[in-house]
Protein backbone atom coordinates (compact mmCIF):
# COMPACT_ATOMS: atom_id res chain seq x y z
CA MET A 1 -14.68 -49.92 4.81
CA THR A 2 -17.57 -48.70 6.78
CA ILE A 3 -18.75 -52.35 7.70
CA THR A 4 -15.00 -52.99 8.64
CA ALA A 5 -14.98 -50.05 10.89
CA LEU A 6 -18.18 -51.01 12.60
CA PHE A 7 -17.08 -54.59 12.90
CA LEU A 8 -13.81 -53.44 14.78
CA ILE A 9 -15.75 -50.90 17.08
CA LEU A 10 -18.02 -53.71 18.25
CA LEU A 11 -15.11 -55.99 18.94
CA LEU A 12 -13.54 -53.19 21.31
CA GLN A 13 -16.71 -52.54 23.14
CA LEU A 14 -17.53 -56.19 23.93
CA PRO A 15 -15.87 -56.11 27.25
CA ARG A 16 -17.92 -53.19 28.20
CA ILE A 17 -20.96 -54.87 27.09
CA PHE A 18 -20.14 -57.89 28.89
CA GLY A 19 -18.66 -56.63 32.07
CA SER A 20 -21.25 -53.78 32.56
CA GLY A 21 -23.01 -54.41 36.06
CA ILE A 22 -22.00 -58.17 36.24
CA PHE A 23 -20.16 -59.51 39.17
CA LEU A 24 -18.94 -63.00 39.81
CA GLN A 25 -17.43 -64.54 42.93
CA SER A 26 -16.28 -68.40 43.45
CA LYS A 27 -14.57 -70.45 46.40
CA ASN A 28 -13.32 -73.72 46.62
CA CYS A 29 -14.17 -75.42 49.80
CA GLY A 30 -12.35 -79.20 49.89
CA ALA A 31 -13.79 -81.12 46.96
CA ASP A 32 -16.84 -78.63 46.45
CA TYR A 33 -16.78 -75.63 44.27
CA VAL A 34 -19.33 -72.82 44.99
CA ALA A 35 -19.96 -69.74 42.74
CA TYR A 36 -21.93 -66.63 42.94
CA SER A 37 -22.96 -64.23 39.93
CA TYR A 38 -24.76 -60.99 40.08
CA SER A 39 -26.09 -58.67 37.58
CA PRO A 40 -28.73 -55.84 37.99
CA GLY A 41 -32.09 -57.35 38.83
CA ARG A 42 -30.76 -61.08 38.98
CA GLU A 43 -28.73 -63.46 40.99
CA LEU A 44 -27.23 -66.83 40.36
CA PHE A 45 -26.03 -69.54 42.56
CA TYR A 46 -23.80 -72.65 41.71
CA ILE A 47 -22.68 -75.75 43.52
CA ASN A 48 -20.41 -78.12 41.66
CA GLY A 49 -21.56 -76.46 38.54
CA ASN A 50 -25.22 -76.82 39.30
CA LEU A 51 -27.58 -74.09 39.28
CA VAL A 52 -29.45 -73.92 42.70
CA ASN A 53 -31.76 -71.56 44.45
CA LYS A 54 -30.61 -69.16 47.23
CA VAL A 55 -32.04 -71.27 49.96
CA SER A 56 -30.10 -74.31 48.95
CA PHE A 57 -26.79 -72.27 48.27
CA CYS A 58 -27.02 -70.65 51.83
CA ARG A 59 -27.64 -73.89 53.62
CA ALA A 60 -24.28 -75.07 51.89
CA LEU A 61 -22.42 -72.17 52.87
CA GLN A 62 -23.56 -72.70 56.53
CA LEU A 63 -22.39 -76.36 56.19
CA TYR A 64 -18.89 -75.29 54.88
CA ILE A 65 -18.45 -72.82 57.70
CA ALA A 66 -19.26 -75.67 60.08
CA ASN A 67 -16.59 -77.75 58.40
CA GLY A 68 -13.97 -75.09 58.83
CA CYS A 69 -14.12 -73.48 55.33
CA ASP A 70 -14.32 -69.71 55.66
CA VAL A 71 -16.60 -68.25 53.08
CA LYS A 72 -17.87 -65.23 54.98
CA ASP A 73 -15.27 -62.94 53.34
CA HIS A 74 -16.48 -64.19 49.89
CA PHE A 75 -20.29 -64.40 50.42
CA GLY A 76 -21.09 -61.83 52.94
CA SER A 77 -24.29 -61.48 55.05
CA ASN A 78 -25.68 -59.35 52.34
CA LYS A 79 -26.18 -62.63 50.31
CA CYS A 80 -26.95 -65.28 53.11
CA PRO A 81 -27.81 -65.16 56.94
CA LEU A 82 -24.75 -67.47 57.70
CA ASP A 83 -25.21 -69.90 60.79
CA ASP A 84 -24.34 -73.46 61.53
CA SER A 85 -27.47 -75.15 60.27
CA SER A 86 -26.78 -78.50 58.63
CA VAL A 87 -27.78 -79.12 55.06
CA ASN A 88 -27.50 -81.85 52.40
CA LEU A 89 -25.49 -80.89 49.43
CA PRO A 90 -26.33 -81.55 45.85
CA SER A 91 -24.64 -84.23 44.18
CA LYS A 92 -21.06 -83.57 42.94
CA ALA A 93 -20.83 -82.81 39.31
CA GLY A 94 -19.45 -80.35 36.84
CA ARG A 95 -16.67 -79.03 38.73
CA LYS A 96 -15.04 -77.47 35.66
CA LEU A 97 -17.83 -74.85 35.62
CA LEU A 98 -16.24 -71.38 35.21
CA GLN A 99 -12.80 -72.65 35.93
CA GLY A 100 -11.53 -72.44 32.32
CA ASP A 101 -13.04 -68.74 32.11
CA SER A 102 -11.82 -67.49 35.62
CA SER A 103 -8.41 -66.09 36.40
CA ARG A 104 -7.48 -66.79 40.02
CA GLU A 105 -5.18 -64.80 42.04
CA PRO A 106 -3.53 -66.29 45.43
CA THR A 107 -4.66 -64.70 48.73
CA SER A 108 -2.64 -64.46 51.97
CA GLN A 109 -4.28 -67.83 52.97
CA GLY A 110 -3.09 -69.69 49.91
CA GLN A 111 -6.94 -69.84 48.56
CA LYS A 112 -7.98 -68.12 45.27
CA ASN A 113 -10.36 -65.29 45.04
CA VAL A 114 -11.70 -64.33 41.47
CA SER A 115 -13.45 -61.13 40.26
CA LYS A 116 -14.03 -60.70 36.48
CA PRO A 117 -16.63 -59.95 33.90
CA SER A 118 -18.92 -62.59 32.81
CA PRO A 119 -21.89 -62.50 30.43
CA ALA A 120 -25.33 -62.06 31.62
CA PRO A 121 -28.00 -63.86 29.57
CA LYS A 122 -29.80 -60.61 28.25
CA ALA A 123 -26.36 -58.88 27.56
CA ALA A 124 -24.93 -61.94 25.81
CA LEU A 125 -27.84 -62.64 23.67
CA ALA A 126 -27.85 -58.98 22.57
CA ALA A 127 -24.10 -58.85 21.96
CA GLY A 128 -24.20 -62.26 20.28
CA GLY A 129 -26.94 -61.07 18.14
CA LEU A 130 -25.09 -57.92 16.94
CA LEU A 131 -21.97 -59.88 16.30
CA PHE A 132 -23.71 -62.50 14.08
CA VAL A 133 -25.47 -59.68 12.20
CA CYS A 134 -22.26 -58.17 11.59
CA CYS A 135 -20.60 -61.26 10.37
CA ALA A 136 -23.56 -62.08 8.08
CA VAL A 137 -23.03 -58.82 6.56
CA LEU A 138 -19.46 -58.56 6.36
CA CYS A 139 -18.23 -62.04 5.51
CA PRO A 140 -19.87 -62.18 2.28
CA CYS A 141 -18.55 -58.75 1.38
CA ILE A 142 -14.96 -59.97 2.03
CA TYR A 143 -15.45 -63.11 0.45
CA GLY A 144 -16.99 -61.64 -2.84
CA LYS A 145 -14.10 -59.14 -2.98
CA LYS A 146 -11.73 -61.98 -2.57
CA ARG A 147 -13.37 -64.01 -5.35
CA LYS A 148 -13.22 -60.99 -7.76
CA ALA A 149 -9.63 -60.22 -7.15
CA THR A 150 -8.97 -64.02 -7.65
CA ALA A 151 -10.59 -64.11 -11.04
CA HIS A 152 -9.03 -61.00 -11.98
CA ALA A 153 -5.53 -62.40 -11.09
CA VAL A 154 -6.43 -65.49 -13.20
CA LEU A 155 -7.38 -63.53 -16.22
CA SER A 156 -4.39 -61.06 -15.85
CA LYS A 157 -1.98 -63.96 -16.41
CA ASP A 158 -3.30 -64.91 -19.73
CA PRO A 159 -1.30 -62.52 -21.94
CA HIS A 160 -4.03 -62.88 -24.81
CA SER A 161 -7.01 -61.97 -22.81
CA MET A 162 -8.69 -58.94 -23.82
CA ASP A 163 -11.38 -56.68 -22.17
CA SER A 164 -14.75 -56.47 -23.99
CA ALA A 165 -15.39 -54.24 -26.88
CA SER A 166 -18.57 -52.67 -25.89
CA SER A 167 -19.08 -50.70 -29.31
CA PHE A 168 -20.07 -53.93 -31.02
CA GLU A 169 -23.79 -54.98 -30.82
CA GLY A 170 -24.31 -58.65 -31.70
CA ASN A 171 -26.58 -61.56 -30.61
CA SER A 172 -25.41 -63.94 -28.01
CA VAL A 173 -26.61 -66.52 -25.77
CA SER A 174 -25.30 -66.07 -22.23
CA GLU A 175 -24.19 -69.47 -21.17
CA LYS A 176 -22.06 -70.26 -18.16
CA ILE A 177 -18.75 -72.29 -19.19
CA PRO A 178 -18.13 -75.22 -17.15
CA ALA A 179 -14.76 -75.16 -15.21
CA SER A 180 -12.31 -77.26 -16.60
CA PRO A 181 -8.43 -77.24 -16.93
CA LEU A 182 -9.05 -76.04 -20.51
CA ARG A 183 -10.93 -72.86 -19.60
CA VAL A 184 -10.42 -69.68 -17.70
CA PRO A 185 -13.07 -67.78 -15.78
CA PRO A 186 -15.72 -66.38 -17.99
CA SER A 187 -15.55 -62.68 -19.06
CA PRO A 188 -17.55 -60.23 -17.12
CA SER A 189 -18.98 -59.09 -20.30
CA ARG A 190 -22.37 -60.25 -21.59
CA PHE A 191 -20.64 -62.22 -24.37
CA SER A 192 -19.54 -65.49 -23.31
CA MET A 193 -15.80 -66.51 -23.58
CA SER A 194 -14.59 -69.15 -26.00
CA PRO A 195 -13.23 -72.27 -24.24
CA LYS A 196 -9.27 -72.11 -24.17
CA LEU A 197 -7.24 -74.88 -25.64
CA SER A 198 -4.58 -76.22 -23.22
CA ARG A 199 -1.41 -75.70 -25.39
CA LEU A 200 1.26 -73.02 -25.92
CA GLY A 201 -0.19 -70.07 -28.14
CA SER A 202 -3.68 -70.76 -27.58
CA ILE A 203 -5.91 -67.67 -27.13
CA HIS A 204 -9.07 -66.96 -25.23
CA LEU A 205 -11.69 -64.39 -26.72
CA ASN A 206 -15.22 -63.47 -26.71
CA LEU A 207 -17.48 -62.33 -29.53
CA SER A 208 -17.16 -58.82 -29.05
CA GLN A 209 -13.24 -58.92 -28.87
CA VAL A 210 -13.25 -60.89 -32.11
CA ALA A 211 -15.75 -58.15 -33.70
CA LYS A 212 -13.27 -55.48 -32.48
CA ALA A 213 -10.28 -57.32 -33.91
CA THR A 214 -11.94 -57.82 -37.52
CA ARG A 215 -13.40 -54.28 -37.46
CA ASN A 216 -16.99 -55.76 -37.21
CA PHE A 217 -16.16 -58.32 -39.85
CA SER A 218 -15.14 -55.91 -42.44
CA ASP A 219 -14.77 -56.74 -46.10
CA THR A 220 -11.40 -55.11 -46.29
CA LEU A 221 -10.05 -57.81 -43.86
CA LEU A 222 -11.60 -60.79 -45.96
CA ILE A 223 -8.83 -63.00 -47.11
CA GLY A 224 -10.90 -66.18 -47.97
CA GLU A 225 -14.42 -67.83 -48.62
CA GLY A 226 -15.54 -71.26 -48.92
CA GLY A 227 -18.32 -73.56 -48.47
CA PHE A 228 -18.11 -73.19 -44.51
CA GLY A 229 -18.02 -69.49 -44.59
CA THR A 230 -15.65 -66.28 -44.77
CA VAL A 231 -12.16 -66.05 -43.36
CA TYR A 232 -10.98 -62.61 -41.95
CA LYS A 233 -7.67 -61.38 -40.99
CA ALA A 234 -7.82 -60.08 -37.36
CA GLN A 235 -5.16 -58.34 -35.08
CA LEU A 236 -5.48 -58.71 -31.41
CA GLU A 237 -4.82 -55.84 -28.94
CA ASP A 238 -1.55 -57.29 -28.11
CA GLY A 239 -0.65 -57.18 -31.91
CA GLN A 240 -0.90 -60.81 -32.54
CA ILE A 241 -2.42 -61.58 -36.11
CA VAL A 242 -4.88 -64.56 -36.40
CA ALA A 243 -7.30 -65.80 -38.84
CA VAL A 244 -10.98 -65.88 -37.84
CA LYS A 245 -13.19 -68.29 -39.77
CA ARG A 246 -17.02 -67.43 -39.64
CA ALA A 247 -19.77 -69.67 -40.29
CA LYS A 248 -22.54 -68.78 -42.96
CA LYS A 249 -25.68 -68.01 -41.18
CA GLU A 250 -28.04 -69.44 -44.11
CA SER A 251 -26.31 -72.98 -43.50
CA PHE A 252 -25.91 -72.72 -39.98
CA GLU A 253 -27.48 -76.03 -38.95
CA SER A 254 -26.25 -78.14 -41.89
CA LEU A 255 -22.59 -76.85 -40.98
CA LYS A 256 -22.89 -77.60 -37.33
CA THR A 257 -21.07 -81.04 -37.87
CA GLU A 258 -18.28 -79.68 -39.93
CA PHE A 259 -17.81 -76.92 -37.11
CA SER A 260 -17.59 -79.66 -34.41
CA ASN A 261 -15.43 -81.82 -36.55
CA GLU A 262 -12.89 -79.19 -37.02
CA ILE A 263 -12.82 -78.21 -33.56
CA GLU A 264 -12.64 -81.81 -32.11
CA LEU A 265 -9.86 -82.72 -34.51
CA LEU A 266 -7.62 -79.53 -34.51
CA ALA A 267 -7.35 -79.53 -30.93
CA LYS A 268 -5.58 -82.76 -30.99
CA ILE A 269 -3.04 -81.97 -33.49
CA ASP A 270 0.23 -80.06 -33.45
CA HIS A 271 2.52 -80.13 -36.44
CA ARG A 272 4.23 -77.49 -38.42
CA ASN A 273 2.70 -78.51 -41.49
CA LEU A 274 -0.82 -78.37 -40.17
CA VAL A 275 -2.67 -75.11 -39.38
CA LYS A 276 -3.06 -74.71 -35.72
CA LEU A 277 -6.39 -74.09 -34.04
CA LEU A 278 -6.03 -71.27 -31.24
CA GLY A 279 -9.69 -70.97 -30.02
CA TYR A 280 -13.21 -70.82 -31.03
CA ILE A 281 -16.59 -69.33 -30.20
CA ASP A 282 -19.89 -71.30 -30.77
CA LYS A 283 -22.62 -68.69 -29.04
CA GLY A 284 -25.94 -67.62 -30.20
CA ASN A 285 -26.01 -67.34 -33.97
CA GLU A 286 -22.22 -67.12 -34.21
CA ARG A 287 -19.67 -69.79 -34.91
CA LEU A 288 -16.14 -68.94 -35.37
CA LEU A 289 -12.98 -70.69 -35.73
CA ILE A 290 -9.63 -68.78 -34.59
CA THR A 291 -6.61 -70.15 -36.21
CA GLU A 292 -2.89 -69.21 -36.76
CA TYR A 293 -2.51 -66.65 -39.59
CA VAL A 294 -0.62 -67.91 -42.45
CA PRO A 295 0.27 -64.83 -44.45
CA ASN A 296 1.13 -65.83 -48.04
CA GLY A 297 -2.26 -67.23 -49.47
CA THR A 298 -3.07 -70.30 -50.91
CA LEU A 299 -1.18 -72.75 -53.20
CA ARG A 300 -3.90 -72.22 -55.76
CA GLU A 301 -3.52 -68.66 -55.82
CA HIS A 302 0.20 -68.98 -56.42
CA LEU A 303 -0.28 -71.53 -59.32
CA ASP A 304 -2.71 -68.84 -60.76
CA GLY A 305 -0.06 -66.22 -60.56
CA GLN A 306 -2.06 -64.05 -58.21
CA ARG A 307 0.75 -63.34 -55.82
CA GLY A 308 3.33 -62.10 -57.91
CA ARG A 309 6.32 -64.34 -58.49
CA ILE A 310 5.57 -67.81 -60.08
CA LEU A 311 6.76 -70.84 -58.06
CA ASP A 312 9.78 -72.43 -59.39
CA PHE A 313 10.07 -76.26 -59.43
CA ASN A 314 12.16 -76.60 -56.33
CA GLN A 315 9.59 -74.57 -54.22
CA ARG A 316 6.95 -76.82 -55.79
CA LEU A 317 8.67 -79.96 -54.63
CA GLU A 318 9.21 -78.57 -51.23
CA ILE A 319 5.54 -77.61 -50.93
CA ALA A 320 4.56 -81.49 -51.94
CA ILE A 321 7.16 -82.86 -49.27
CA ASP A 322 5.47 -80.27 -46.59
CA VAL A 323 1.91 -81.75 -47.50
CA ALA A 324 3.18 -85.12 -47.37
CA HIS A 325 4.72 -84.88 -44.00
CA GLY A 326 1.39 -83.30 -42.66
CA LEU A 327 -0.86 -85.95 -44.16
CA THR A 328 1.61 -88.71 -42.75
CA TYR A 329 1.44 -87.21 -39.41
CA LEU A 330 -2.61 -87.37 -39.54
CA HIS A 331 -2.50 -90.92 -40.82
CA GLN A 332 0.34 -92.51 -38.60
CA TYR A 333 1.48 -90.15 -35.81
CA ALA A 334 -1.56 -88.29 -34.42
CA GLU A 335 -3.38 -89.55 -31.12
CA LYS A 336 -5.89 -91.05 -33.43
CA GLN A 337 -5.78 -91.62 -36.88
CA ILE A 338 -7.29 -88.80 -38.95
CA ILE A 339 -8.49 -88.70 -42.43
CA HIS A 340 -8.66 -85.13 -44.02
CA ARG A 341 -11.14 -85.90 -46.90
CA ASP A 342 -10.47 -82.59 -48.61
CA VAL A 343 -6.90 -82.32 -49.66
CA LYS A 344 -6.77 -79.75 -52.47
CA SER A 345 -4.60 -76.60 -53.50
CA SER A 346 -7.13 -74.22 -52.04
CA ASN A 347 -6.70 -75.90 -48.64
CA ILE A 348 -2.87 -75.49 -48.75
CA LEU A 349 -1.65 -72.34 -46.97
CA LEU A 350 1.81 -70.97 -47.56
CA THR A 351 4.06 -69.01 -45.17
CA GLU A 352 6.45 -66.01 -46.07
CA SER A 353 9.25 -68.55 -46.16
CA MET A 354 7.05 -70.77 -48.65
CA ARG A 355 6.48 -73.48 -46.04
CA ALA A 356 3.10 -75.41 -46.79
CA LYS A 357 0.44 -75.99 -44.14
CA VAL A 358 -2.70 -78.21 -44.66
CA ALA A 359 -5.83 -76.18 -43.62
CA ASP A 360 -9.68 -76.74 -43.39
CA PHE A 361 -10.52 -79.67 -41.43
CA GLY A 362 -14.32 -79.39 -41.61
CA PHE A 363 -14.78 -82.75 -43.53
CA ALA A 364 -12.18 -84.58 -41.51
CA ARG A 365 -12.93 -87.82 -39.82
CA LEU A 366 -11.36 -90.09 -37.26
CA GLY A 367 -10.06 -93.21 -38.90
CA SER A 368 -10.88 -96.78 -37.77
CA MET A 369 -10.16 -97.48 -34.12
CA ASP A 370 -10.10 -101.26 -34.73
CA SER A 371 -6.63 -102.53 -36.27
CA ASP A 372 -8.66 -105.32 -38.02
CA GLN A 373 -10.87 -102.97 -39.52
CA THR A 374 -9.75 -101.64 -43.05
CA HIS A 375 -12.11 -98.84 -43.46
CA ILE A 376 -14.98 -96.67 -42.02
CA SER A 377 -18.18 -96.37 -43.92
CA THR A 378 -19.52 -92.79 -44.13
CA LYS A 379 -21.03 -90.59 -46.57
CA VAL A 380 -19.12 -89.17 -49.30
CA LYS A 381 -17.75 -85.58 -48.67
CA GLY A 382 -14.88 -83.66 -50.53
CA THR A 383 -14.29 -81.80 -53.65
CA VAL A 384 -15.09 -82.79 -57.19
CA GLY A 385 -11.84 -83.92 -58.99
CA TYR A 386 -9.95 -84.93 -56.00
CA LEU A 387 -12.51 -87.32 -54.76
CA ASP A 388 -11.50 -91.02 -54.45
CA PRO A 389 -13.40 -92.92 -57.04
CA GLU A 390 -13.47 -96.14 -55.02
CA TYR A 391 -14.73 -93.94 -52.02
CA MET A 392 -17.39 -92.59 -53.99
CA LYS A 393 -18.58 -96.07 -55.19
CA THR A 394 -18.29 -97.95 -51.79
CA TYR A 395 -18.68 -95.35 -49.10
CA GLN A 396 -15.62 -96.79 -47.53
CA LEU A 397 -13.30 -94.30 -46.39
CA THR A 398 -9.64 -95.06 -45.67
CA PRO A 399 -6.28 -93.09 -45.34
CA ARG A 400 -5.63 -94.09 -49.05
CA SER A 401 -8.35 -91.89 -50.24
CA ASP A 402 -6.33 -88.85 -48.80
CA VAL A 403 -3.36 -90.42 -50.94
CA TYR A 404 -5.66 -90.30 -54.17
CA SER A 405 -6.29 -86.61 -53.37
CA PHE A 406 -2.60 -86.08 -52.87
CA GLY A 407 -1.98 -87.54 -56.29
CA ILE A 408 -4.34 -85.16 -58.06
CA LEU A 409 -2.55 -82.27 -56.06
CA LEU A 410 0.89 -83.40 -57.22
CA LEU A 411 -0.21 -83.15 -60.76
CA GLU A 412 -1.77 -79.71 -60.17
CA ILE A 413 1.41 -78.54 -58.60
CA VAL A 414 3.64 -79.63 -61.54
CA THR A 415 1.23 -78.89 -64.32
CA GLY A 416 -0.38 -75.75 -62.68
CA ARG A 417 -3.92 -76.92 -63.91
CA ARG A 418 -6.81 -77.59 -61.74
CA PRO A 419 -8.18 -81.11 -61.70
CA VAL A 420 -11.15 -80.15 -63.73
CA GLU A 421 -10.70 -77.53 -66.51
CA LEU A 422 -14.28 -76.76 -67.81
CA LYS A 423 -12.96 -74.22 -70.57
CA LYS A 424 -10.73 -76.73 -72.20
CA PRO A 425 -11.82 -79.12 -74.77
CA VAL A 426 -13.71 -82.31 -73.80
CA GLU A 427 -10.57 -84.66 -74.15
CA GLU A 428 -8.55 -82.19 -71.86
CA ARG A 429 -11.08 -81.24 -69.17
CA VAL A 430 -10.12 -83.97 -66.77
CA THR A 431 -6.53 -83.20 -65.84
CA LEU A 432 -5.65 -86.79 -64.67
CA ARG A 433 -6.95 -88.59 -67.97
CA TRP A 434 -5.19 -85.75 -70.05
CA ALA A 435 -1.98 -85.98 -68.23
CA PHE A 436 -1.89 -89.64 -68.06
CA ARG A 437 -2.17 -89.84 -71.98
CA LYS A 438 0.40 -87.34 -72.33
CA TYR A 439 2.68 -89.17 -70.23
CA HIS A 440 1.90 -92.62 -71.59
CA ASP A 441 2.72 -91.16 -75.04
CA GLY A 442 6.16 -90.12 -73.76
CA ASN A 443 5.33 -86.30 -73.80
CA ALA A 444 5.81 -85.75 -70.20
CA VAL A 445 7.74 -82.34 -70.80
CA GLU A 446 4.52 -81.02 -72.27
CA LEU A 447 2.68 -81.44 -68.97
CA VAL A 448 4.95 -78.86 -67.08
CA ASP A 449 3.39 -75.67 -66.19
CA PRO A 450 4.12 -73.24 -68.88
CA LEU A 451 4.38 -70.39 -66.35
CA MET A 452 7.25 -72.08 -64.84
CA ASP A 453 10.14 -70.88 -67.20
CA GLU A 454 12.85 -73.14 -66.14
CA ALA A 455 14.67 -76.46 -67.26
CA VAL A 456 13.91 -79.58 -65.25
CA ASN A 457 15.64 -82.82 -65.45
CA ARG A 458 13.55 -85.34 -67.54
CA GLN A 459 14.19 -88.20 -65.14
CA VAL A 460 13.25 -85.98 -62.17
CA LEU A 461 9.94 -85.08 -63.87
CA THR A 462 9.32 -88.70 -65.05
CA LYS A 463 9.64 -89.91 -61.44
CA MET A 464 7.45 -87.03 -60.19
CA PHE A 465 4.56 -88.07 -62.68
CA ASP A 466 5.11 -91.73 -61.91
CA LEU A 467 4.44 -91.09 -58.21
CA ALA A 468 1.51 -88.99 -58.94
CA PHE A 469 -0.22 -91.56 -61.10
CA GLN A 470 0.52 -94.20 -58.51
CA CYS A 471 -1.11 -92.08 -55.74
CA ALA A 472 -4.20 -91.44 -58.03
CA ALA A 473 -4.67 -95.31 -58.87
CA PRO A 474 -8.36 -96.23 -59.23
CA ILE A 475 -7.94 -99.10 -56.82
CA ARG A 476 -6.83 -97.99 -53.10
CA THR A 477 -4.67 -101.20 -52.81
CA ASP A 478 -2.45 -99.89 -55.60
CA ARG A 479 -1.68 -96.73 -53.82
CA PRO A 480 1.27 -96.17 -51.40
CA ASP A 481 0.69 -94.77 -48.06
CA MET A 482 1.68 -91.21 -47.12
CA LYS A 483 4.93 -92.24 -45.36
CA SER A 484 6.14 -93.94 -48.46
CA VAL A 485 5.36 -90.99 -50.64
CA GLY A 486 7.30 -88.60 -48.61
CA GLU A 487 10.41 -90.60 -48.73
CA ARG A 488 10.07 -90.91 -52.44
CA LEU A 489 9.58 -87.20 -52.67
CA TRP A 490 12.77 -86.71 -50.61
CA THR A 491 14.81 -89.07 -52.89
CA ILE A 492 13.44 -87.16 -56.07
CA ARG A 493 14.42 -83.83 -54.26
CA ALA A 494 18.17 -84.90 -53.68
CA GLU A 495 18.07 -86.00 -57.44
CA HIS A 496 16.83 -82.77 -58.66
CA LEU A 497 19.44 -80.69 -56.43
CA LYS A 498 22.08 -82.88 -57.89
CA SER A 499 21.03 -82.54 -61.57
CA ALA A 500 20.35 -78.61 -60.84
CA LYS A 501 24.16 -78.25 -60.01
CA LYS A 502 25.32 -79.93 -63.15
CA GLY A 503 22.71 -77.96 -65.50
CA ALA A 504 19.40 -79.54 -65.99
CA SER A 505 17.84 -80.35 -69.39
CA TYR A 506 14.37 -81.57 -70.61
């Protein structure tokens, strides 16, 4: 405010600065234009815009008088001793000198007489210098305030943006986030903001805000733990509940690829049966994924009875259909084909309405970009018991590797058993082999989860196991694609609902 006031005062005083002691007179004589300027200690003389000395100026005035141009009233004897001596005029040039700056008033003879302020060199330089200094000081201040106001306005439009939590002390590398349509201006705090995903529901947090939302990563908010790290439940200031996945420090470098993979792939997908990525932070010694919170635990927890009520057959069938839909989207309808590589019961999250969502894309890979290429060659990654045996032998990954994992998952859903049960007798440890022998011997009913106390139609069970074994075929060409699997599950579901109305029996 002080600088602004100073600037305004300077503007108001400019006429006085420029006008003090400065006097200008000018006169048209035919096609020529003469002018005289006076300031204390200095006189300037002009003819047709050219600066001349006093002697030449006075001689020119004498010639004008001789030719009938009355200049005595304008340039009196105090300036020149006016007589009729002849003189050569300077060449005509620059007649527009002072015309644009002079306001002329008509006289009784129809001529124009001007008297107005005009800057003298010293006063002009002084005033101009002062004006320049004020502008140099004032303009950056105004511009800086405008920029701050603009940044504040942009941040305030984001309903999920939060102020920094200064109570959390953590390590962070201060890096400037490059501008892009996917990012909003960085936080004014010392913690860098995570890039913002350009879709509905995405959020924009920094490390201190995440720490505040998780109560400094309190164990009371721990909801899961895996090879990548730990998962926490977090509540944001606007009340939104999210899940925060925090990478393990001891395996920070080795998990860098998995972290980048998950961000790259999750940012490209949006399906109701796939967990949605909301944001991430990769600063200093922290790597965090912020995803939607799925409140009802994992499928494995429900199969183990850790969530209270045991899943009935219809719920299990619906969960299988949801997972099939999610994988079908990844394989056939995503922008680029994605192979999950880690389909298992602990990576299937359930909502309160028992809808399933596939999670954990740390091992996921993009499929082949060439339509003529049947596979991609890569290191084997996944979970023992769910891994495609052909993939383990050849290192050739295809979407059918996910189909194999789904076949194992389908057996797990119906039987309640893990793929490998180390506490069982040797002949029963591998669930796939144990189940196939039972099924081949005609004892499919004995495969049903004993915790599921309900009658299920024998034909429905047979079709479920038949589909599971086909998906888990040792040779990939014998496996159906996920779209076909989903269609067959819908058929099985329709048959189950029909038989349930009539009263099912084993």
